Amino acid sequence: MKQKKKHSVMEQVKAARKQSREEEIQTHGKSINYRKVMESKKQYNRKKNKADDEVLPYLLPLTPKGE
């Protein structure tokens, strides 16, 4: 008996989420992510700046081992 009750509760929750999502899409034109923090494009990001630089921080001379 408890499984049926739990199942109906889950169906109600699922229906409420679906309705909420559809309302959100109607008002904003797209779904909105509330959990992900959006980074500012103007904020300094060292990791991204280093990835953009294709130059290595130092150059190693490439010489054969025999010399």
N, C-alpha and C. Protein backbone atom coordinates (compact mmCIF):
# COMPACT_ATOMS: atom_id res chain seq x y z
N MET A 1 0.81 -1.19 0.00
CA MET A 1 0.00 0.00 0.00
C MET A 1 0.86 1.27 0.00
N LYS A 2 1.95 1.26 0.72
CA LYS A 2 2.78 2.46 0.80
C LYS A 2 3.41 2.81 -0.55
N GLN A 3 3.73 1.80 -1.35
CA GLN A 3 4.34 2.08 -2.64
C GLN A 3 3.39 2.84 -3.55
N LYS A 4 2.11 2.52 -3.52
CA LYS A 4 1.15 3.23 -4.35
C LYS A 4 1.08 4.69 -3.93
N LYS A 5 1.08 4.95 -2.63
CA LYS A 5 1.02 6.32 -2.14
C LYS A 5 2.28 7.08 -2.54
N LYS A 6 3.41 6.44 -2.38
CA LYS A 6 4.68 7.07 -2.74
C LYS A 6 4.73 7.33 -4.24
N HIS A 7 4.22 6.39 -5.00
CA HIS A 7 4.22 6.54 -6.45
C HIS A 7 3.34 7.72 -6.87
N SER A 8 2.19 7.88 -6.23
CA SER A 8 1.31 8.99 -6.57
C SER A 8 1.92 10.33 -6.18
N VAL A 9 2.66 10.35 -5.10
CA VAL A 9 3.33 11.58 -4.67
C VAL A 9 4.41 11.95 -5.70
N MET A 10 5.14 10.97 -6.16
CA MET A 10 6.17 11.23 -7.17
C MET A 10 5.55 11.74 -8.47
N GLU A 11 4.40 11.20 -8.84
CA GLU A 11 3.71 11.67 -10.03
C GLU A 11 3.27 13.11 -9.88
N GLN A 12 2.82 13.48 -8.68
CA GLN A 12 2.41 14.86 -8.42
C GLN A 12 3.61 15.81 -8.52
N VAL A 13 4.72 15.40 -7.96
CA VAL A 13 5.93 16.22 -8.01
C VAL A 13 6.39 16.38 -9.45
N LYS A 14 6.39 15.29 -10.20
CA LYS A 14 6.80 15.32 -11.59
C LYS A 14 5.90 16.24 -12.41
N ALA A 15 4.59 16.17 -12.17
CA ALA A 15 3.64 17.02 -12.89
C ALA A 15 3.85 18.49 -12.55
N ALA A 16 4.13 18.78 -11.27
CA ALA A 16 4.37 20.16 -10.85
C ALA A 16 5.63 20.72 -11.49
N ARG A 17 6.69 19.91 -11.56
CA ARG A 17 7.93 20.35 -12.20
C ARG A 17 7.72 20.63 -13.69
N LYS A 18 6.97 19.74 -14.34
CA LYS A 18 6.72 19.90 -15.76
C LYS A 18 5.93 21.19 -16.03
N GLN A 19 4.91 21.44 -15.21
CA GLN A 19 4.10 22.64 -15.36
C GLN A 19 4.96 23.88 -15.12
N SER A 20 5.79 23.85 -14.09
CA SER A 20 6.67 24.97 -13.78
C SER A 20 7.63 25.26 -14.94
N ARG A 21 8.16 24.21 -15.52
CA ARG A 21 9.09 24.37 -16.64
C ARG A 21 8.39 24.96 -17.85
N GLU A 22 7.17 24.49 -18.15
CA GLU A 22 6.43 25.02 -19.28
C GLU A 22 6.08 26.49 -19.10
N GLU A 23 5.71 26.89 -17.87
CA GLU A 23 5.44 28.30 -17.59
C GLU A 23 6.69 29.15 -17.77
N GLU A 24 7.83 28.63 -17.32
CA GLU A 24 9.10 29.33 -17.45
C GLU A 24 9.46 29.55 -18.92
N ILE A 25 9.26 28.54 -19.74
CA ILE A 25 9.56 28.65 -21.17
C ILE A 25 8.62 29.66 -21.82
N GLN A 26 7.36 29.68 -21.40
CA GLN A 26 6.42 30.65 -21.96
C GLN A 26 6.79 32.09 -21.58
N THR A 27 7.22 32.31 -20.34
CA THR A 27 7.53 33.67 -19.90
C THR A 27 8.87 34.16 -20.43
N HIS A 28 9.89 33.30 -20.44
CA HIS A 28 11.24 33.73 -20.83
C HIS A 28 11.63 33.33 -22.25
N GLY A 29 10.90 32.42 -22.85
CA GLY A 29 11.24 31.97 -24.19
C GLY A 29 12.24 30.84 -24.19
N LYS A 30 12.80 30.51 -23.04
CA LYS A 30 13.76 29.41 -22.92
C LYS A 30 13.80 28.96 -21.47
N SER A 31 14.40 27.81 -21.23
CA SER A 31 14.52 27.35 -19.85
C SER A 31 15.68 28.08 -19.18
N ILE A 32 15.56 28.31 -17.89
CA ILE A 32 16.57 29.05 -17.14
C ILE A 32 17.22 28.10 -16.15
N ASN A 33 18.53 28.12 -16.11
CA ASN A 33 19.28 27.26 -15.20
C ASN A 33 19.52 28.03 -13.90
N TYR A 34 18.94 27.53 -12.80
CA TYR A 34 19.08 28.21 -11.52
C TYR A 34 20.29 27.72 -10.74
N ARG A 35 20.83 26.58 -11.09
CA ARG A 35 21.91 25.99 -10.30
C ARG A 35 23.30 26.42 -10.77
N LYS A 36 23.45 26.68 -12.04
CA LYS A 36 24.76 27.02 -12.56
C LYS A 36 25.05 28.51 -12.37
N VAL A 37 26.22 28.82 -11.87
CA VAL A 37 26.63 30.19 -11.68
C VAL A 37 27.26 30.68 -12.97
N MET A 38 26.74 31.76 -13.50
CA MET A 38 27.26 32.30 -14.76
C MET A 38 28.47 33.18 -14.46
N GLU A 39 29.54 32.96 -15.20
CA GLU A 39 30.74 33.77 -15.02
C GLU A 39 30.59 35.08 -15.76
N SER A 40 31.15 36.12 -15.18
CA SER A 40 31.15 37.41 -15.84
C SER A 40 32.21 37.40 -16.94
N LYS A 41 31.87 37.92 -18.11
CA LYS A 41 32.82 37.96 -19.20
C LYS A 41 33.89 39.01 -18.96
N LYS A 42 33.58 39.99 -18.13
CA LYS A 42 34.52 41.08 -17.86
C LYS A 42 35.51 40.72 -16.75
N GLN A 43 35.20 39.72 -15.95
CA GLN A 43 36.05 39.36 -14.82
C GLN A 43 37.33 38.67 -15.30
N TYR A 44 38.44 38.99 -14.68
CA TYR A 44 39.72 38.39 -15.02
C TYR A 44 39.71 36.91 -14.68
N ASN A 45 40.13 36.08 -15.62
CA ASN A 45 40.16 34.64 -15.41
C ASN A 45 41.53 34.14 -15.86
N ARG A 46 42.40 33.89 -14.91
CA ARG A 46 43.77 33.50 -15.24
C ARG A 46 43.82 32.17 -15.99
N LYS A 47 42.98 31.23 -15.60
CA LYS A 47 42.98 29.92 -16.22
C LYS A 47 42.64 30.03 -17.72
N LYS A 48 41.63 30.82 -18.03
CA LYS A 48 41.23 30.99 -19.43
C LYS A 48 42.30 31.76 -20.20
N ASN A 49 42.88 32.77 -19.58
CA ASN A 49 43.92 33.55 -20.25
C ASN A 49 45.14 32.69 -20.57
N LYS A 50 45.51 31.80 -19.65
CA LYS A 50 46.65 30.92 -19.90
C LYS A 50 46.34 29.92 -21.00
N ALA A 51 45.08 29.46 -21.07
CA ALA A 51 44.69 28.52 -22.11
C ALA A 51 44.72 29.19 -23.48
N ASP A 52 44.41 30.48 -23.51
CA ASP A 52 44.42 31.21 -24.77
C ASP A 52 45.83 31.43 -25.29
N ASP A 53 46.80 31.55 -24.38
CA ASP A 53 48.19 31.73 -24.79
C ASP A 53 48.74 30.40 -25.29
N GLU A 54 49.16 30.38 -26.52
CA GLU A 54 49.70 29.14 -27.08
C GLU A 54 51.21 29.06 -26.93
N VAL A 55 51.81 30.12 -26.41
CA VAL A 55 53.25 30.16 -26.22
C VAL A 55 53.59 29.52 -24.89
N LEU A 56 54.56 28.64 -24.91
CA LEU A 56 54.99 28.01 -23.66
C LEU A 56 55.73 29.02 -22.80
N PRO A 57 55.75 28.86 -21.51
CA PRO A 57 56.44 29.82 -20.65
C PRO A 57 57.96 29.79 -20.82
N TYR A 58 58.50 28.71 -21.30
CA TYR A 58 59.94 28.63 -21.54
C TYR A 58 60.19 27.72 -22.74
N LEU A 59 61.30 27.89 -23.37
CA LEU A 59 61.65 27.06 -24.53
C LEU A 59 62.81 26.16 -24.18
N LEU A 60 62.67 24.90 -24.51
CA LEU A 60 63.76 23.94 -24.29
C LEU A 60 64.48 23.72 -25.60
N PRO A 61 65.81 23.78 -25.58
CA PRO A 61 66.53 23.50 -26.83
C PRO A 61 66.42 22.00 -27.16
N LEU A 62 66.09 21.72 -28.37
CA LEU A 62 65.97 20.32 -28.80
C LEU A 62 67.27 19.90 -29.45
N THR A 63 68.06 19.12 -28.73
CA THR A 63 69.32 18.62 -29.25
C THR A 63 69.31 17.10 -29.17
N PRO A 64 69.91 16.42 -30.09
CA PRO A 64 69.99 14.97 -30.01
C PRO A 64 70.78 14.53 -28.77
N LYS A 65 70.52 13.35 -28.26
CA LYS A 65 71.19 12.85 -27.06
C LYS A 65 72.67 12.57 -27.28
N GLY A 66 73.04 12.27 -28.51
CA GLY A 66 74.43 11.92 -28.80
C GLY A 66 75.37 13.10 -28.73
N GLU A 67 74.90 14.29 -28.81
CA GLU A 67 75.80 15.46 -28.84
C GLU A 67 76.06 16.05 -27.50
